[in-house]
Amino acid sequence: MFNVTYFFSLIGLKNAFQSNVIVLCVLMAGVVASFYLVDKVGRRPLLLGGGVIMSICVLIVGIIGTREISGALPNVLVAVVCIWVIAYSLSCAPIGQ
């Protein structure tokens, strides 16, 4: 999470720190929402669903990373990172073991 600013600056975002703040706000909102969802949905479905979504996001970032980063791709990468953070904060982050 804390190297996101460096990652965003490498892909050419002008406001890498602002994007990092957005990602951390999404993380905090997801963790707060997870306290409610763990009781309603259960740990296992959250972990399995979050794992699938995180895997897909990492695959998308890897595929985009093989191309030249220009145009709208930096914004797409920020969106994919935000989706990964939502999945992480709803599944692995608060549940732990």
Foldseek 3Di string as FASTA:
>chain_A
DVCQLVVLVVLPDPCSVVLVVVLVVLLVVLLVVLVVVCVVPNQVVLQVVLVVLLVVLVVVVVVLVVDRRDDCNSVVNSVSSSSNSNSCSNHCPPPPD
